[in-house]
ModelCIF file with pLDDT and N, C-alpha, C, O atoms, coordinates in Angstrom:
data_MODEL
#
_entry.id   MODEL 
#
_entity.id                         1 
_entity.type                       polymer 
_entity.pdbx_number_of_molecules   1 
#
_entity_poly.entity_id                      1 
_entity_poly.type                           'polypeptide(L)' 
_entity_poly.nstd_linkage                   no 
_entity_poly.nstd_monomer                   no 
_entity_poly.pdbx_seq_one_letter_code       HYRDRGLRVVGVAVADKREAHAKAVAEDGISWPQIFSE 
_entity_poly.pdbx_seq_one_letter_code_can   HYRDRGLRVVGVAVADKREAHAKAVAEDGISWPQIFSE 
_entity_poly.pdbx_strand_id                 A 
#
loop_
_entity_poly_seq.entity_id 
_entity_poly_seq.num 
_entity_poly_seq.mon_id 
_entity_poly_seq.hetero 
1 1  HIS n 
1 2  TYR n 
1 3  ARG n 
1 4  ASP n 
1 5  ARG n 
1 6  GLY n 
1 7  LEU n 
1 8  ARG n 
1 9  VAL n 
1 10 VAL n 
1 11 GLY n 
1 12 VAL n 
1 13 ALA n 
1 14 VAL n 
1 15 ALA n 
1 16 ASP n 
1 17 LYS n 
1 18 ARG n 
1 19 GLU n 
1 20 ALA n 
1 21 HIS n 
1 22 ALA n 
1 23 LYS n 
1 24 ALA n 
1 25 VAL n 
1 26 ALA n 
1 27 GLU n 
1 28 ASP n 
1 29 GLY n 
1 30 ILE n 
1 31 SER n 
1 32 TRP n 
1 33 PRO n 
1 34 GLN n 
1 35 ILE n 
1 36 PHE n 
1 37 SER n 
1 38 GLU n 
#
_struct_asym.id          A 
_struct_asym.entity_id   1 
#
loop_
_ma_qa_metric.id 
_ma_qa_metric.mode 
_ma_qa_metric.name 
_ma_qa_metric.software_group_id 
_ma_qa_metric.type 
1 global pLDDT . pLDDT 
2 local  pLDDT . pLDDT 
#
_ma_qa_metric_global.metric_id      1 
_ma_qa_metric_global.metric_value   95.76 
_ma_qa_metric_global.model_id       1 
_ma_qa_metric_global.ordinal_id     1 
#
loop_
_ma_qa_metric_local.label_asym_id 
_ma_qa_metric_local.label_comp_id 
_ma_qa_metric_local.label_seq_id 
_ma_qa_metric_local.metric_id 
_ma_qa_metric_local.metric_value 
_ma_qa_metric_local.model_id 
_ma_qa_metric_local.ordinal_id 
A HIS 1  2 95.00 1 1  
A TYR 2  2 96.00 1 2  
A ARG 3  2 95.00 1 3  
A ASP 4  2 95.00 1 4  
A ARG 5  2 95.00 1 5  
A GLY 6  2 95.00 1 6  
A LEU 7  2 97.00 1 7  
A ARG 8  2 97.00 1 8  
A VAL 9  2 97.00 1 9  
A VAL 10 2 98.00 1 10 
A GLY 11 2 97.00 1 11 
A VAL 12 2 97.00 1 12 
A ALA 13 2 96.00 1 13 
A VAL 14 2 96.00 1 14 
A ALA 15 2 94.00 1 15 
A ASP 16 2 95.00 1 16 
A LYS 17 2 95.00 1 17 
A ARG 18 2 94.00 1 18 
A GLU 19 2 95.00 1 19 
A ALA 20 2 96.00 1 20 
A HIS 21 2 97.00 1 21 
A ALA 22 2 96.00 1 22 
A LYS 23 2 96.00 1 23 
A ALA 24 2 96.00 1 24 
A VAL 25 2 96.00 1 25 
A ALA 26 2 95.00 1 26 
A GLU 27 2 95.00 1 27 
A ASP 28 2 95.00 1 28 
A GLY 29 2 93.00 1 29 
A ILE 30 2 95.00 1 30 
A SER 31 2 95.00 1 31 
A TRP 32 2 97.00 1 32 
A PRO 33 2 97.00 1 33 
A GLN 34 2 97.00 1 34 
A ILE 35 2 97.00 1 35 
A PHE 36 2 97.00 1 36 
A SER 37 2 96.00 1 37 
A GLU 38 2 94.00 1 38 
#
loop_
_atom_site.group_PDB 
_atom_site.id 
_atom_site.type_symbol 
_atom_site.label_atom_id 
_atom_site.label_alt_id 
_atom_site.label_comp_id 
_atom_site.label_asym_id 
_atom_site.label_entity_id 
_atom_site.label_seq_id 
_atom_site.pdbx_PDB_ins_code 
_atom_site.Cartn_x 
_atom_site.Cartn_y 
_atom_site.Cartn_z 
_atom_site.occupancy 
_atom_site.B_iso_or_equiv 
_atom_site.pdbx_formal_charge 
_atom_site.auth_seq_id 
_atom_site.auth_comp_id 
_atom_site.auth_asym_id 
_atom_site.auth_atom_id 
_atom_site.pdbx_PDB_model_num 
ATOM 1   N N  . HIS A 1 1  ? 232.306 143.189 154.289 1.00 95.00 ? 1  HIS A N  1 
ATOM 2   C CA . HIS A 1 1  ? 232.684 141.804 154.598 1.00 95.00 ? 1  HIS A CA 1 
ATOM 3   C C  . HIS A 1 1  ? 234.143 141.677 155.041 1.00 95.00 ? 1  HIS A C  1 
ATOM 4   O O  . HIS A 1 1  ? 234.465 140.839 155.883 1.00 95.00 ? 1  HIS A O  1 
ATOM 5   N N  . TYR A 1 2  ? 235.022 142.502 154.477 1.00 96.00 ? 2  TYR A N  1 
ATOM 6   C CA . TYR A 1 2  ? 236.458 142.295 154.717 1.00 96.00 ? 2  TYR A CA 1 
ATOM 7   C C  . TYR A 1 2  ? 237.122 143.370 155.586 1.00 96.00 ? 2  TYR A C  1 
ATOM 8   O O  . TYR A 1 2  ? 238.287 143.220 155.953 1.00 96.00 ? 2  TYR A O  1 
ATOM 9   N N  . ARG A 1 3  ? 236.411 144.440 155.920 1.00 95.00 ? 3  ARG A N  1 
ATOM 10  C CA . ARG A 1 3  ? 237.101 145.521 156.639 1.00 95.00 ? 3  ARG A CA 1 
ATOM 11  C C  . ARG A 1 3  ? 237.524 145.101 158.043 1.00 95.00 ? 3  ARG A C  1 
ATOM 12  O O  . ARG A 1 3  ? 238.563 145.555 158.523 1.00 95.00 ? 3  ARG A O  1 
ATOM 13  N N  . ASP A 1 4  ? 236.742 144.239 158.723 1.00 95.00 ? 4  ASP A N  1 
ATOM 14  C CA . ASP A 1 4  ? 237.131 143.789 160.063 1.00 95.00 ? 4  ASP A CA 1 
ATOM 15  C C  . ASP A 1 4  ? 238.313 142.830 160.015 1.00 95.00 ? 4  ASP A C  1 
ATOM 16  O O  . ASP A 1 4  ? 238.903 142.509 161.046 1.00 95.00 ? 4  ASP A O  1 
ATOM 17  N N  . ARG A 1 5  ? 238.657 142.373 158.806 1.00 95.00 ? 5  ARG A N  1 
ATOM 18  C CA . ARG A 1 5  ? 239.808 141.482 158.650 1.00 95.00 ? 5  ARG A CA 1 
ATOM 19  C C  . ARG A 1 5  ? 241.031 142.240 158.146 1.00 95.00 ? 5  ARG A C  1 
ATOM 20  O O  . ARG A 1 5  ? 242.067 141.647 157.843 1.00 95.00 ? 5  ARG A O  1 
ATOM 21  N N  . GLY A 1 6  ? 240.893 143.555 158.064 1.00 95.00 ? 6  GLY A N  1 
ATOM 22  C CA . GLY A 1 6  ? 242.051 144.378 157.744 1.00 95.00 ? 6  GLY A CA 1 
ATOM 23  C C  . GLY A 1 6  ? 242.000 145.135 156.440 1.00 95.00 ? 6  GLY A C  1 
ATOM 24  O O  . GLY A 1 6  ? 242.824 146.023 156.221 1.00 95.00 ? 6  GLY A O  1 
ATOM 25  N N  . LEU A 1 7  ? 241.049 144.813 155.551 1.00 97.00 ? 7  LEU A N  1 
ATOM 26  C CA . LEU A 1 7  ? 241.006 145.472 154.239 1.00 97.00 ? 7  LEU A CA 1 
ATOM 27  C C  . LEU A 1 7  ? 240.675 146.951 154.381 1.00 97.00 ? 7  LEU A C  1 
ATOM 28  O O  . LEU A 1 7  ? 239.798 147.337 155.153 1.00 97.00 ? 7  LEU A O  1 
ATOM 29  N N  . ARG A 1 8  ? 241.396 147.769 153.618 1.00 97.00 ? 8  ARG A N  1 
ATOM 30  C CA . ARG A 1 8  ? 241.080 149.180 153.509 1.00 97.00 ? 8  ARG A CA 1 
ATOM 31  C C  . ARG A 1 8  ? 240.594 149.456 152.082 1.00 97.00 ? 8  ARG A C  1 
ATOM 32  O O  . ARG A 1 8  ? 241.091 148.856 151.128 1.00 97.00 ? 8  ARG A O  1 
ATOM 33  N N  . VAL A 1 9  ? 239.630 150.357 151.938 1.00 97.00 ? 9  VAL A N  1 
ATOM 34  C CA . VAL A 1 9  ? 239.113 150.754 150.619 1.00 97.00 ? 9  VAL A CA 1 
ATOM 35  C C  . VAL A 1 9  ? 239.247 152.271 150.505 1.00 97.00 ? 9  VAL A C  1 
ATOM 36  O O  . VAL A 1 9  ? 238.952 153.008 151.447 1.00 97.00 ? 9  VAL A O  1 
ATOM 37  N N  . VAL A 1 10 ? 239.697 152.721 149.336 1.00 98.00 ? 10 VAL A N  1 
ATOM 38  C CA . VAL A 1 10 ? 239.854 154.149 149.064 1.00 98.00 ? 10 VAL A CA 1 
ATOM 39  C C  . VAL A 1 10 ? 239.275 154.440 147.683 1.00 98.00 ? 10 VAL A C  1 
ATOM 40  O O  . VAL A 1 10 ? 239.512 153.685 146.741 1.00 98.00 ? 10 VAL A O  1 
ATOM 41  N N  . GLY A 1 11 ? 238.527 155.516 147.558 1.00 97.00 ? 11 GLY A N  1 
ATOM 42  C CA . GLY A 1 11 ? 238.028 155.945 146.255 1.00 97.00 ? 11 GLY A CA 1 
ATOM 43  C C  . GLY A 1 11 ? 238.877 157.090 145.722 1.00 97.00 ? 11 GLY A C  1 
ATOM 44  O O  . GLY A 1 11 ? 239.313 157.963 146.473 1.00 97.00 ? 11 GLY A O  1 
ATOM 45  N N  . VAL A 1 12 ? 239.103 157.070 144.402 1.00 97.00 ? 12 VAL A N  1 
ATOM 46  C CA . VAL A 1 12 ? 239.818 158.168 143.741 1.00 97.00 ? 12 VAL A CA 1 
ATOM 47  C C  . VAL A 1 12 ? 238.917 158.686 142.628 1.00 97.00 ? 12 VAL A C  1 
ATOM 48  O O  . VAL A 1 12 ? 238.653 157.987 141.650 1.00 97.00 ? 12 VAL A O  1 
ATOM 49  N N  . ALA A 1 13 ? 238.451 159.916 142.791 1.00 96.00 ? 13 ALA A N  1 
ATOM 50  C CA . ALA A 1 13 ? 237.576 160.525 141.783 1.00 96.00 ? 13 ALA A CA 1 
ATOM 51  C C  . ALA A 1 13 ? 238.428 161.118 140.671 1.00 96.00 ? 13 ALA A C  1 
ATOM 52  O O  . ALA A 1 13 ? 239.278 161.974 140.920 1.00 96.00 ? 13 ALA A O  1 
ATOM 53  N N  . VAL A 1 14 ? 238.199 160.660 139.441 1.00 96.00 ? 14 VAL A N  1 
ATOM 54  C CA . VAL A 1 14 ? 238.972 161.135 138.288 1.00 96.00 ? 14 VAL A CA 1 
ATOM 55  C C  . VAL A 1 14 ? 238.033 161.740 137.251 1.00 96.00 ? 14 VAL A C  1 
ATOM 56  O O  . VAL A 1 14 ? 236.881 161.325 137.129 1.00 96.00 ? 14 VAL A O  1 
ATOM 57  N N  . ALA A 1 15 ? 238.535 162.723 136.506 1.00 94.00 ? 15 ALA A N  1 
ATOM 58  C CA . ALA A 1 15 ? 237.764 163.365 135.433 1.00 94.00 ? 15 ALA A CA 1 
ATOM 59  C C  . ALA A 1 15 ? 236.369 163.758 135.901 1.00 94.00 ? 15 ALA A C  1 
ATOM 60  O O  . ALA A 1 15 ? 235.384 163.533 135.198 1.00 94.00 ? 15 ALA A O  1 
ATOM 61  N N  . ASP A 1 16 ? 236.292 164.339 137.081 1.00 95.00 ? 16 ASP A N  1 
ATOM 62  C CA . ASP A 1 16 ? 234.997 164.634 137.689 1.00 95.00 ? 16 ASP A CA 1 
ATOM 63  C C  . ASP A 1 16 ? 234.959 166.081 138.177 1.00 95.00 ? 16 ASP A C  1 
ATOM 64  O O  . ASP A 1 16 ? 235.948 166.810 138.096 1.00 95.00 ? 16 ASP A O  1 
ATOM 65  N N  . LYS A 1 17 ? 233.801 166.473 138.679 1.00 95.00 ? 17 LYS A N  1 
ATOM 66  C CA . LYS A 1 17 ? 233.609 167.779 139.302 1.00 95.00 ? 17 LYS A CA 1 
ATOM 67  C C  . LYS A 1 17 ? 233.317 167.551 140.780 1.00 95.00 ? 17 LYS A C  1 
ATOM 68  O O  . LYS A 1 17 ? 232.595 166.619 141.134 1.00 95.00 ? 17 LYS A O  1 
ATOM 69  N N  . ARG A 1 18 ? 233.875 168.398 141.643 1.00 94.00 ? 18 ARG A N  1 
ATOM 70  C CA . ARG A 1 18 ? 233.760 168.168 143.084 1.00 94.00 ? 18 ARG A CA 1 
ATOM 71  C C  . ARG A 1 18 ? 232.306 168.109 143.566 1.00 94.00 ? 18 ARG A C  1 
ATOM 72  O O  . ARG A 1 18 ? 231.952 167.261 144.385 1.00 94.00 ? 18 ARG A O  1 
ATOM 73  N N  . GLU A 1 19 ? 231.474 169.009 143.055 1.00 95.00 ? 19 GLU A N  1 
ATOM 74  C CA . GLU A 1 19 ? 230.083 169.035 143.503 1.00 95.00 ? 19 GLU A CA 1 
ATOM 75  C C  . GLU A 1 19 ? 229.365 167.741 143.123 1.00 95.00 ? 19 GLU A C  1 
ATOM 76  O O  . GLU A 1 19 ? 228.644 167.156 143.930 1.00 95.00 ? 19 GLU A O  1 
ATOM 77  N N  . ALA A 1 20 ? 229.576 167.306 141.879 1.00 96.00 ? 20 ALA A N  1 
ATOM 78  C CA . ALA A 1 20 ? 228.943 166.067 141.411 1.00 96.00 ? 20 ALA A CA 1 
ATOM 79  C C  . ALA A 1 20 ? 229.480 164.865 142.174 1.00 96.00 ? 20 ALA A C  1 
ATOM 80  O O  . ALA A 1 20 ? 228.738 163.933 142.484 1.00 96.00 ? 20 ALA A O  1 
ATOM 81  N N  . HIS A 1 21 ? 230.772 164.894 142.475 1.00 97.00 ? 21 HIS A N  1 
ATOM 82  C CA . HIS A 1 21 ? 231.386 163.797 143.227 1.00 97.00 ? 21 HIS A CA 1 
ATOM 83  C C  . HIS A 1 21 ? 230.795 163.710 144.635 1.00 97.00 ? 21 HIS A C  1 
ATOM 84  O O  . HIS A 1 21 ? 230.434 162.626 145.093 1.00 97.00 ? 21 HIS A O  1 
ATOM 85  N N  . ALA A 1 22 ? 230.698 164.842 145.312 1.00 96.00 ? 22 ALA A N  1 
ATOM 86  C CA . ALA A 1 22 ? 230.158 164.849 146.671 1.00 96.00 ? 22 ALA A CA 1 
ATOM 87  C C  . ALA A 1 22 ? 228.715 164.350 146.694 1.00 96.00 ? 22 ALA A C  1 
ATOM 88  O O  . ALA A 1 22 ? 228.311 163.630 147.607 1.00 96.00 ? 22 ALA A O  1 
ATOM 89  N N  . LYS A 1 23 ? 227.945 164.740 145.683 1.00 96.00 ? 23 LYS A N  1 
ATOM 90  C CA . LYS A 1 23 ? 226.547 164.300 145.594 1.00 96.00 ? 23 LYS A CA 1 
ATOM 91  C C  . LYS A 1 23 ? 226.467 162.788 145.400 1.00 96.00 ? 23 LYS A C  1 
ATOM 92  O O  . LYS A 1 23 ? 225.638 162.127 146.025 1.00 96.00 ? 23 LYS A O  1 
ATOM 93  N N  . ALA A 1 24 ? 227.327 162.235 144.533 1.00 96.00 ? 24 ALA A N  1 
ATOM 94  C CA . ALA A 1 24 ? 227.320 160.786 144.284 1.00 96.00 ? 24 ALA A CA 1 
ATOM 95  C C  . ALA A 1 24 ? 227.736 160.006 145.527 1.00 96.00 ? 24 ALA A C  1 
ATOM 96  O O  . ALA A 1 24 ? 227.176 158.948 145.810 1.00 96.00 ? 24 ALA A O  1 
ATOM 97  N N  . VAL A 1 25 ? 228.719 160.523 146.274 1.00 96.00 ? 25 VAL A N  1 
ATOM 98  C CA . VAL A 1 25 ? 229.161 159.869 147.512 1.00 96.00 ? 25 VAL A CA 1 
ATOM 99  C C  . VAL A 1 25 ? 227.984 159.768 148.487 1.00 96.00 ? 25 VAL A C  1 
ATOM 100 O O  . VAL A 1 25 ? 227.785 158.732 149.120 1.00 96.00 ? 25 VAL A O  1 
ATOM 101 N N  . ALA A 1 26 ? 227.211 160.846 148.603 1.00 95.00 ? 26 ALA A N  1 
ATOM 102 C CA . ALA A 1 26 ? 226.053 160.840 149.502 1.00 95.00 ? 26 ALA A CA 1 
ATOM 103 C C  . ALA A 1 26 ? 224.958 159.902 148.994 1.00 95.00 ? 26 ALA A C  1 
ATOM 104 O O  . ALA A 1 26 ? 224.386 159.134 149.767 1.00 95.00 ? 26 ALA A O  1 
ATOM 105 N N  . GLU A 1 27 ? 224.671 159.966 147.702 1.00 95.00 ? 27 GLU A N  1 
ATOM 106 C CA . GLU A 1 27 ? 223.611 159.133 147.122 1.00 95.00 ? 27 GLU A CA 1 
ATOM 107 C C  . GLU A 1 27 ? 223.921 157.651 147.237 1.00 95.00 ? 27 GLU A C  1 
ATOM 108 O O  . GLU A 1 27 ? 223.026 156.848 147.501 1.00 95.00 ? 27 GLU A O  1 
ATOM 109 N N  . ASP A 1 28 ? 225.180 157.281 147.041 1.00 95.00 ? 28 ASP A N  1 
ATOM 110 C CA . ASP A 1 28 ? 225.556 155.865 147.035 1.00 95.00 ? 28 ASP A CA 1 
ATOM 111 C C  . ASP A 1 28 ? 225.961 155.352 148.420 1.00 95.00 ? 28 ASP A C  1 
ATOM 112 O O  . ASP A 1 28 ? 226.321 154.184 148.568 1.00 95.00 ? 28 ASP A O  1 
ATOM 113 N N  . GLY A 1 29 ? 225.903 156.219 149.428 1.00 93.00 ? 29 GLY A N  1 
ATOM 114 C CA . GLY A 1 29 ? 226.229 155.785 150.781 1.00 93.00 ? 29 GLY A CA 1 
ATOM 115 C C  . GLY A 1 29 ? 227.664 155.327 150.943 1.00 93.00 ? 29 GLY A C  1 
ATOM 116 O O  . GLY A 1 29 ? 227.929 154.350 151.643 1.00 93.00 ? 29 GLY A O  1 
ATOM 117 N N  . ILE A 1 30 ? 228.590 156.019 150.307 1.00 95.00 ? 30 ILE A N  1 
ATOM 118 C CA . ILE A 1 30 ? 230.005 155.634 150.351 1.00 95.00 ? 30 ILE A CA 1 
ATOM 119 C C  . ILE A 1 30 ? 230.624 156.153 151.649 1.00 95.00 ? 30 ILE A C  1 
ATOM 120 O O  . ILE A 1 30 ? 230.592 157.349 151.935 1.00 95.00 ? 30 ILE A O  1 
ATOM 121 N N  . SER A 1 31 ? 231.193 155.214 152.436 1.00 95.00 ? 31 SER A N  1 
ATOM 122 C CA . SER A 1 31 ? 231.736 155.594 153.742 1.00 95.00 ? 31 SER A CA 1 
ATOM 123 C C  . SER A 1 31 ? 233.250 155.519 153.804 1.00 95.00 ? 31 SER A C  1 
ATOM 124 O O  . SER A 1 31 ? 233.840 155.911 154.810 1.00 95.00 ? 31 SER A O  1 
ATOM 125 N N  . TRP A 1 32 ? 233.896 155.026 152.751 1.00 97.00 ? 32 TRP A N  1 
ATOM 126 C CA . TRP A 1 32 ? 235.355 154.958 152.752 1.00 97.00 ? 32 TRP A CA 1 
ATOM 127 C C  . TRP A 1 32 ? 235.940 156.278 152.236 1.00 97.00 ? 32 TRP A C  1 
ATOM 128 O O  . TRP A 1 32 ? 235.258 157.027 151.536 1.00 97.00 ? 32 TRP A O  1 
ATOM 129 N N  . PRO A 1 33 ? 237.190 156.561 152.578 1.00 97.00 ? 33 PRO A N  1 
ATOM 130 C CA . PRO A 1 33 ? 237.785 157.857 152.216 1.00 97.00 ? 33 PRO A CA 1 
ATOM 131 C C  . PRO A 1 33 ? 237.917 158.050 150.718 1.00 97.00 ? 33 PRO A C  1 
ATOM 132 O O  . PRO A 1 33 ? 237.998 157.090 149.952 1.00 97.00 ? 33 PRO A O  1 
ATOM 133 N N  . GLN A 1 34 ? 237.935 159.341 150.309 1.00 97.00 ? 34 GLN A N  1 
ATOM 134 C CA . GLN A 1 34 ? 237.996 159.709 148.903 1.00 97.00 ? 34 GLN A CA 1 
ATOM 135 C C  . GLN A 1 34 ? 239.141 160.695 148.661 1.00 97.00 ? 34 GLN A C  1 
ATOM 136 O O  . GLN A 1 34 ? 239.424 161.561 149.488 1.00 97.00 ? 34 GLN A O  1 
ATOM 137 N N  . ILE A 1 35 ? 239.784 160.540 147.514 1.00 97.00 ? 35 ILE A N  1 
ATOM 138 C CA . ILE A 1 35 ? 240.781 161.499 147.038 1.00 97.00 ? 35 ILE A CA 1 
ATOM 139 C C  . ILE A 1 35 ? 240.285 162.020 145.694 1.00 97.00 ? 35 ILE A C  1 
ATOM 140 O O  . ILE A 1 35 ? 239.880 161.240 144.832 1.00 97.00 ? 35 ILE A O  1 
ATOM 141 N N  . PHE A 1 36 ? 240.317 163.338 145.517 1.00 97.00 ? 36 PHE A N  1 
ATOM 142 C CA . PHE A 1 36 ? 239.870 163.928 144.255 1.00 97.00 ? 36 PHE A CA 1 
ATOM 143 C C  . PHE A 1 36 ? 241.092 164.283 143.410 1.00 97.00 ? 36 PHE A C  1 
ATOM 144 O O  . PHE A 1 36 ? 241.904 165.127 143.787 1.00 97.00 ? 36 PHE A O  1 
ATOM 145 N N  . SER A 1 37 ? 241.204 163.614 142.249 1.00 96.00 ? 37 SER A N  1 
ATOM 146 C CA . SER A 1 37 ? 242.345 163.864 141.356 1.00 96.00 ? 37 SER A CA 1 
ATOM 147 C C  . SER A 1 37 ? 241.829 163.865 139.925 1.00 96.00 ? 37 SER A C  1 
ATOM 148 O O  . SER A 1 37 ? 241.714 162.814 139.295 1.00 96.00 ? 37 SER A O  1 
ATOM 149 N N  . GLU A 1 38 ? 241.523 165.045 139.423 1.00 94.00 ? 38 GLU A N  1 
ATOM 150 C CA . GLU A 1 38 ? 240.854 165.144 138.120 1.00 94.00 ? 38 GLU A CA 1 
ATOM 151 C C  . GLU A 1 38 ? 241.664 164.507 136.997 1.00 94.00 ? 38 GLU A C  1 
ATOM 152 O O  . GLU A 1 38 ? 241.231 164.511 135.845 1.00 94.00 ? 38 GLU A O  1 
#
């Protein structure tokens, strides 16, 4: 709703495992950028 008006969204994966994180991103259809910081 808001990205065409300028909003940016970023995900930060915390206390996670990279493989599980990548799987969740695919399952949930997440299209915004991600940073992995355990």
